[in-house]
N, C-alpha and C. Protein backbone atom coordinates (compact mmCIF):
# COMPACT_ATOMS: atom_id res chain seq x y z
N UNK A 1 -16.55 -6.48 -3.67
CA UNK A 1 -15.02 -6.09 -3.41
C UNK A 1 -14.81 -4.56 -3.27
N UNK A 2 -14.18 -4.29 -2.14
CA UNK A 2 -13.94 -2.75 -2.05
C UNK A 2 -12.84 -2.19 -2.91
N UNK A 3 -12.80 -1.00 -2.87
CA UNK A 3 -11.71 -0.24 -3.49
C UNK A 3 -10.20 -0.78 -3.54
N UNK A 4 -10.14 -0.71 -2.01
CA UNK A 4 -8.46 -1.18 -1.66
C UNK A 4 -8.59 -2.63 -2.31
N UNK A 5 -9.25 -3.48 -2.11
CA UNK A 5 -8.95 -4.99 -2.71
C UNK A 5 -8.86 -5.08 -4.11
N UNK A 6 -9.87 -4.21 -4.91
CA UNK A 6 -9.72 -4.07 -6.20
C UNK A 6 -8.43 -3.57 -6.62
N UNK A 7 -8.04 -2.63 -5.95
CA UNK A 7 -6.49 -1.97 -6.47
C UNK A 7 -5.52 -2.98 -6.16
N UNK A 8 -5.44 -3.69 -4.91
CA UNK A 8 -4.44 -4.74 -5.04
C UNK A 8 -4.52 -5.84 -5.79
N UNK A 9 -5.67 -6.22 -6.12
CA UNK A 9 -5.89 -7.46 -7.34
C UNK A 9 -5.55 -6.84 -8.59
N UNK A 10 -5.77 -5.61 -9.02
CA UNK A 10 -5.22 -5.17 -10.20
C UNK A 10 -3.70 -5.26 -10.32
N UNK A 11 -3.09 -4.69 -9.18
CA UNK A 11 -1.70 -4.60 -8.93
C UNK A 11 -1.02 -5.96 -9.13
N UNK A 12 -1.75 -7.04 -8.68
CA UNK A 12 -1.17 -8.27 -8.88
C UNK A 12 -1.39 -8.88 -10.35
N UNK A 13 -2.53 -8.50 -10.90
CA UNK A 13 -2.88 -8.92 -12.02
C UNK A 13 -1.86 -8.49 -13.28
N UNK A 14 -1.44 -7.04 -13.07
CA UNK A 14 -0.57 -6.27 -14.11
C UNK A 14 0.50 -6.41 -13.57
N UNK A 15 1.13 -7.12 -12.56
CA UNK A 15 2.55 -7.15 -12.34
C UNK A 15 3.08 -5.88 -12.33
N UNK A 16 2.58 -4.85 -11.85
CA UNK A 16 2.98 -3.51 -11.78
C UNK A 16 3.99 -3.29 -10.62
N UNK A 17 4.81 -2.56 -10.40
CA UNK A 17 5.80 -2.20 -9.48
C UNK A 17 5.27 -1.08 -8.50
N UNK A 18 4.40 -0.31 -8.91
CA UNK A 18 3.60 0.70 -8.16
C UNK A 18 2.33 0.43 -7.69
N UNK A 19 2.20 0.68 -6.39
CA UNK A 19 0.73 0.29 -5.71
C UNK A 19 0.46 1.61 -5.12
N UNK A 20 -0.79 2.17 -5.71
CA UNK A 20 -1.24 3.60 -4.91
C UNK A 20 -2.60 3.23 -4.37
N UNK A 21 -2.34 3.39 -3.13
CA UNK A 21 -3.58 3.34 -2.08
C UNK A 21 -3.70 4.78 -1.55
N UNK A 22 -3.48 5.81 -2.16
CA UNK A 22 -3.83 7.10 -1.57
C UNK A 22 -5.28 7.51 -1.72
N UNK A 23 -5.51 8.44 -0.93
CA UNK A 23 -6.98 9.03 -1.09
C UNK A 23 -8.18 7.87 -0.76
N UNK A 24 -7.92 6.74 0.14
CA UNK A 24 -8.99 5.68 0.40
C UNK A 24 -9.40 5.84 1.60
N UNK A 25 -9.10 6.78 2.49
CA UNK A 25 -9.54 6.90 3.68
C UNK A 25 -9.06 5.75 4.52
N UNK A 26 -7.92 5.17 4.53
CA UNK A 26 -7.37 4.06 5.07
C UNK A 26 -7.10 4.63 6.63
N UNK A 27 -7.26 3.77 7.65
CA UNK A 27 -6.83 4.13 8.96
C UNK A 27 -5.48 3.17 9.26
N UNK A 28 -5.48 1.92 8.60
CA UNK A 28 -4.26 1.31 8.62
C UNK A 28 -3.77 0.73 7.52
N UNK A 29 -2.56 0.08 7.23
CA UNK A 29 -2.10 -0.45 6.10
C UNK A 29 -2.84 -1.92 6.08
N UNK A 30 -3.41 -2.30 4.88
CA UNK A 30 -3.95 -3.51 4.97
C UNK A 30 -2.90 -4.67 4.89
N UNK A 31 -3.50 -5.52 5.63
CA UNK A 31 -2.30 -6.75 5.66
C UNK A 31 -2.02 -7.38 4.51
N UNK A 32 -2.87 -7.49 3.54
CA UNK A 32 -2.31 -8.31 2.20
C UNK A 32 -1.16 -7.38 1.44
N UNK A 33 -1.03 -6.08 1.91
CA UNK A 33 -0.11 -5.35 1.27
C UNK A 33 1.21 -5.94 1.72
N UNK A 34 1.34 -6.44 2.89
CA UNK A 34 2.79 -6.83 3.34
C UNK A 34 2.95 -8.61 2.67
N UNK A 35 1.96 -9.00 2.04
CA UNK A 35 2.32 -10.12 1.32
C UNK A 35 2.79 -9.95 -0.22
N UNK A 36 2.90 -8.71 -0.62
CA UNK A 36 3.28 -8.48 -2.08
C UNK A 36 4.78 -8.25 -2.02
N UNK A 37 5.42 -9.09 -2.71
CA UNK A 37 6.92 -9.14 -2.79
C UNK A 37 7.35 -8.27 -4.06
N UNK A 38 6.63 -7.97 -4.83
CA UNK A 38 7.06 -7.24 -6.16
C UNK A 38 6.69 -5.65 -6.00
N UNK A 39 6.10 -5.20 -4.90
CA UNK A 39 5.89 -3.64 -4.85
C UNK A 39 7.20 -2.93 -4.65
N UNK A 40 7.60 -2.05 -5.31
CA UNK A 40 8.80 -1.21 -5.18
C UNK A 40 8.43 0.15 -4.91
N UNK A 41 7.11 0.67 -5.19
CA UNK A 41 6.67 1.86 -4.89
C UNK A 41 5.30 1.86 -4.46
N UNK A 42 5.21 2.19 -3.22
CA UNK A 42 3.83 2.20 -2.35
C UNK A 42 3.42 3.48 -1.90
N UNK A 43 2.27 3.83 -2.48
CA UNK A 43 1.84 5.28 -2.07
C UNK A 43 0.34 5.08 -1.17
N UNK A 44 0.69 5.77 0.10
CA UNK A 44 -0.30 5.63 0.98
C UNK A 44 -0.60 7.06 1.39
N UNK A 45 -0.44 7.94 0.79
CA UNK A 45 -0.65 9.35 1.24
C UNK A 45 -2.16 9.62 1.13
N UNK A 46 -2.52 10.81 1.86
CA UNK A 46 -3.71 11.32 2.01
C UNK A 46 -4.88 10.38 2.64
N UNK A 47 -4.45 9.59 3.54
CA UNK A 47 -5.41 8.82 4.21
C UNK A 47 -5.41 9.17 5.60
N UNK A 48 -5.91 8.10 6.73
CA UNK A 48 -5.80 8.60 7.99
C UNK A 48 -4.95 7.34 8.74
N UNK A 49 -3.74 7.04 8.31
CA UNK A 49 -3.00 6.20 9.15
C UNK A 49 -2.32 6.78 9.97
N UNK A 50 -2.28 6.32 11.26
CA UNK A 50 -1.60 6.87 12.37
C UNK A 50 -0.43 6.19 12.73
N UNK A 51 -0.21 4.82 12.65
CA UNK A 51 0.72 4.06 13.18
C UNK A 51 1.29 3.24 11.98
N UNK A 52 2.34 3.17 11.85
CA UNK A 52 3.10 2.28 10.78
C UNK A 52 3.54 0.99 11.46
N UNK A 53 3.21 0.11 10.98
CA UNK A 53 3.66 -1.20 11.56
C UNK A 53 5.12 -1.60 11.46
N UNK A 54 5.89 -2.27 12.24
CA UNK A 54 7.26 -2.58 12.00
C UNK A 54 7.40 -3.40 10.78
N UNK A 55 6.46 -4.34 10.47
CA UNK A 55 6.54 -5.03 9.26
C UNK A 55 6.65 -4.29 7.89
N UNK A 56 6.67 -3.00 8.06
CA UNK A 56 6.64 -2.24 6.76
C UNK A 56 8.20 -2.38 6.40
N UNK A 57 9.09 -2.73 7.16
CA UNK A 57 10.45 -2.98 6.84
C UNK A 57 10.76 -4.04 5.87
N UNK A 58 9.82 -5.15 6.02
CA UNK A 58 10.11 -6.18 5.35
C UNK A 58 9.66 -6.11 3.90
N UNK A 59 9.04 -4.98 3.38
CA UNK A 59 8.73 -4.98 2.16
C UNK A 59 10.09 -4.49 1.26
N UNK A 60 10.13 -5.02 0.02
CA UNK A 60 10.88 -4.76 -0.78
C UNK A 60 10.75 -3.32 -1.59
N UNK A 61 10.28 -2.24 -0.95
CA UNK A 61 9.83 -1.01 -1.37
C UNK A 61 11.16 -0.23 -1.42
N UNK A 62 11.46 0.68 -2.87
CA UNK A 62 12.30 1.47 -2.83
C UNK A 62 11.73 2.90 -2.27
N UNK A 63 10.63 2.94 -2.55
CA UNK A 63 9.91 4.21 -2.01
C UNK A 63 8.53 4.00 -1.50
N UNK A 64 8.28 4.60 -0.47
CA UNK A 64 6.96 4.64 0.37
C UNK A 64 6.63 6.03 0.55
N UNK A 65 5.71 6.42 -0.02
CA UNK A 65 5.04 7.71 0.20
C UNK A 65 3.80 7.79 1.11
N UNK A 66 4.00 8.54 2.35
CA UNK A 66 2.89 8.26 3.40
C UNK A 66 2.60 9.65 3.95
N UNK A 67 2.90 10.68 3.08
CA UNK A 67 2.35 12.03 3.81
C UNK A 67 1.20 12.24 3.79
N UNK A 68 0.60 13.30 4.50
CA UNK A 68 -0.63 13.78 4.71
C UNK A 68 -1.60 12.61 5.33
N UNK A 69 -1.03 12.13 6.34
CA UNK A 69 -1.84 10.89 7.07
C UNK A 69 -2.16 11.78 8.60
């Protein structure tokens, strides 16, 4: 299992509200992030994400950090 999936699984297991996917060399937001209904703080900074999909609006996040992409 790669780092991203491990972080997402850990997030689910701990019932955390903050998911940190920064510094993972992501080129897009993983689809399974959009299935998470309890994420309030999503960190995606310092990756290589160029396009933010419209479905990001459906997340219940209060904070989305996506700088330095």
